[in-house]
Amino acid sequence: MASPAPTPPENEKATPAIVEKDAGAIRKVLSTKSLGLIKAWEEREKTKVDNRANKKLSNVVAWELSKQAAIDARQKKYEQKLEKKKALYVEKMQNKIAGIHKTAEEKKAMVEEAKRIERNKVGEKADDFREIGHVPKKILSCFNC
């Protein structure tokens, strides 16, 4: 009698299915694990990018503040120069005003002196007219009009 062809044991038939099932599970675990690693890598890289950007931003802010401080210092310097010029100009104008006032006082004094002299002359003439008893002609001509 011929012996029947050897049949593979059932374990051997089941092995490819189990291996396939295990491989799928392994792939799923590896896939989940690698997804977690990828996500961790992504977060780490994003954090690095954020840190670099923050550092650059802080450098820009520091640069801006230093430039602004330099401009403010320069502006104060110019303002001080202008204040000094203004003070000198005001002093110069006050000196001119004082000179004008002094000149005006001198002119007023001269006018007052001329007035005093003229009044004295008129008084002396009036005294002369009184002594003589003579009336000045100019007054009479005015009244005669």
Protein backbone atom coordinates (compact mmCIF):
# COMPACT_ATOMS: atom_id res chain seq x y z
CA MET A 1 0.00 0.00 0.00
CA ALA A 2 1.13 3.28 -0.81
CA SER A 3 1.47 5.61 1.95
CA PRO A 4 -0.46 8.77 1.71
CA ALA A 5 1.40 11.99 1.01
CA PRO A 6 2.61 13.53 4.10
CA THR A 7 0.25 16.21 5.24
CA PRO A 8 1.65 19.15 6.91
CA PRO A 9 0.79 19.40 10.50
CA GLU A 10 -1.85 21.90 11.49
CA ASN A 11 0.65 23.89 13.48
CA GLU A 12 2.61 24.55 10.37
CA LYS A 13 -0.47 25.77 8.51
CA ALA A 14 -1.39 28.04 11.39
CA THR A 15 2.10 29.45 11.68
CA PRO A 16 1.91 31.72 8.64
CA ALA A 17 -1.41 33.12 9.84
CA ILE A 18 -0.06 33.66 13.35
CA VAL A 19 3.14 35.13 11.96
CA GLU A 20 1.06 37.42 9.75
CA LYS A 21 -1.10 38.37 12.73
CA ASP A 22 1.95 38.90 14.93
CA ALA A 23 3.65 40.90 12.19
CA GLY A 24 0.59 43.14 11.94
CA ALA A 25 0.59 43.61 15.69
CA ILE A 26 4.33 44.25 15.66
CA ARG A 27 3.91 46.71 12.83
CA LYS A 28 1.10 48.36 14.76
CA VAL A 29 3.25 48.57 17.91
CA LEU A 30 6.24 49.81 15.91
CA SER A 31 4.00 52.21 14.09
CA THR A 32 2.57 53.53 17.37
CA LYS A 33 6.06 53.69 18.88
CA SER A 34 7.52 55.42 15.85
CA LEU A 35 4.58 57.82 15.75
CA GLY A 36 5.30 58.69 19.37
CA LEU A 37 8.99 59.16 18.58
CA ILE A 38 8.16 61.28 15.57
CA LYS A 39 5.79 63.38 17.64
CA ALA A 40 8.45 63.82 20.36
CA TRP A 41 11.03 64.79 17.70
CA GLU A 42 8.56 67.26 16.17
CA GLU A 43 7.86 68.89 19.54
CA ARG A 44 11.59 69.09 20.32
CA GLU A 45 12.32 70.70 16.95
CA LYS A 46 9.44 73.15 17.32
CA THR A 47 10.75 74.08 20.77
CA LYS A 48 14.21 74.67 19.30
CA VAL A 49 12.69 76.87 16.57
CA ASP A 50 10.70 78.80 19.18
CA ASN A 51 13.79 79.28 21.37
CA ARG A 52 15.86 80.52 18.40
CA ALA A 53 13.09 82.90 17.36
CA ASN A 54 12.72 84.20 20.93
CA LYS A 55 16.46 84.75 21.15
CA LYS A 56 16.45 86.66 17.86
CA LEU A 57 13.45 88.70 18.97
CA SER A 58 15.13 89.60 22.25
CA ASN A 59 18.25 90.63 20.29
CA VAL A 60 16.11 92.85 18.07
CA VAL A 61 14.42 94.41 21.10
CA ALA A 62 17.80 94.99 22.78
CA TRP A 63 19.14 96.56 19.58
CA GLU A 64 16.08 98.79 19.30
CA LEU A 65 16.40 99.92 22.93
CA SER A 66 20.10 100.68 22.58
CA LYS A 67 19.53 102.69 19.39
CA GLN A 68 16.63 104.51 20.99
CA ALA A 69 18.74 105.32 24.06
CA ALA A 70 21.51 106.68 21.82
CA ILE A 71 19.02 108.87 19.96
CA ASP A 72 17.51 110.07 23.25
CA ALA A 73 20.97 110.97 24.55
CA ARG A 74 21.76 112.85 21.34
CA GLN A 75 18.43 114.65 21.54
CA LYS A 76 19.10 115.71 25.14
CA LYS A 77 22.53 116.97 24.11
CA TYR A 78 20.99 119.10 21.35
CA GLU A 79 18.28 120.33 23.69
CA GLN A 80 20.93 121.41 26.20
CA LYS A 81 22.83 123.23 23.45
CA LEU A 82 19.63 124.94 22.37
CA GLU A 83 18.83 125.89 25.97
CA LYS A 84 22.29 127.45 26.32
CA LYS A 85 21.86 129.33 23.04
CA LYS A 86 18.42 130.44 24.12
CA ALA A 87 19.75 131.66 27.47
CA LEU A 88 22.55 133.58 25.74
CA TYR A 89 20.10 135.06 23.24
CA VAL A 90 17.68 136.07 26.01
CA GLU A 91 20.54 137.65 27.95
CA LYS A 92 21.69 139.48 24.81
CA MET A 93 18.18 140.78 24.15
CA GLN A 94 17.78 141.84 27.79
CA ASN A 95 21.08 143.69 27.54
CA LYS A 96 19.81 145.42 24.39
CA ILE A 97 16.57 146.32 26.16
CA ALA A 98 18.57 147.65 29.12
CA GLY A 99 20.71 149.71 26.70
CA ILE A 100 17.60 151.08 25.01
CA HIS A 101 16.10 151.91 28.41
CA LYS A 102 19.32 153.64 29.46
CA THR A 103 19.45 155.62 26.21
CA ALA A 104 15.78 156.55 26.61
CA GLU A 105 16.43 157.72 30.17
CA GLU A 106 19.37 159.80 28.95
CA LYS A 107 17.22 161.32 26.17
CA LYS A 108 14.42 162.00 28.67
CA ALA A 109 16.92 163.67 30.97
CA MET A 110 18.20 165.77 28.07
CA VAL A 111 14.64 166.79 27.15
CA GLU A 112 13.90 167.63 30.78
CA GLU A 113 17.13 169.63 30.96
CA ALA A 114 16.27 171.48 27.73
CA LYS A 115 12.78 172.09 29.12
CA ARG A 116 14.24 173.43 32.36
CA ILE A 117 16.64 175.69 30.45
CA GLU A 118 13.84 176.96 28.16
CA ARG A 119 11.56 177.59 31.15
CA ASN A 120 14.38 179.48 32.88
CA LYS A 121 14.90 181.57 29.71
CA VAL A 122 11.15 182.28 29.50
CA GLY A 123 11.14 183.16 33.19
CA GLU A 124 14.12 185.52 32.72
CA LYS A 125 12.45 187.17 29.70
CA ALA A 126 9.24 187.53 31.67
CA ASP A 127 11.26 189.16 34.47
CA ASP A 128 12.85 191.50 31.89
CA PHE A 129 9.41 192.39 30.49
CA ARG A 130 8.12 193.03 34.01
CA GLU A 131 11.07 195.31 34.74
CA ILE A 132 10.58 197.24 31.57
CA GLY A 133 6.80 197.03 31.72
CA HIS A 134 6.71 196.04 28.14
CA VAL A 135 4.26 193.36 26.77
CA PRO A 136 5.72 190.76 24.35
CA LYS A 137 4.60 191.29 20.74
CA LYS A 138 3.92 187.66 19.91
CA ILE A 139 1.13 187.37 22.46
CA LEU A 140 -0.51 190.50 21.23
CA SER A 141 -0.42 189.36 17.64
CA CYS A 142 -2.20 186.15 18.64
CA PHE A 143 -4.91 187.98 20.54
CA ASN A 144 -5.38 190.48 17.74
CA CYS A 145 -6.22 187.82 15.17
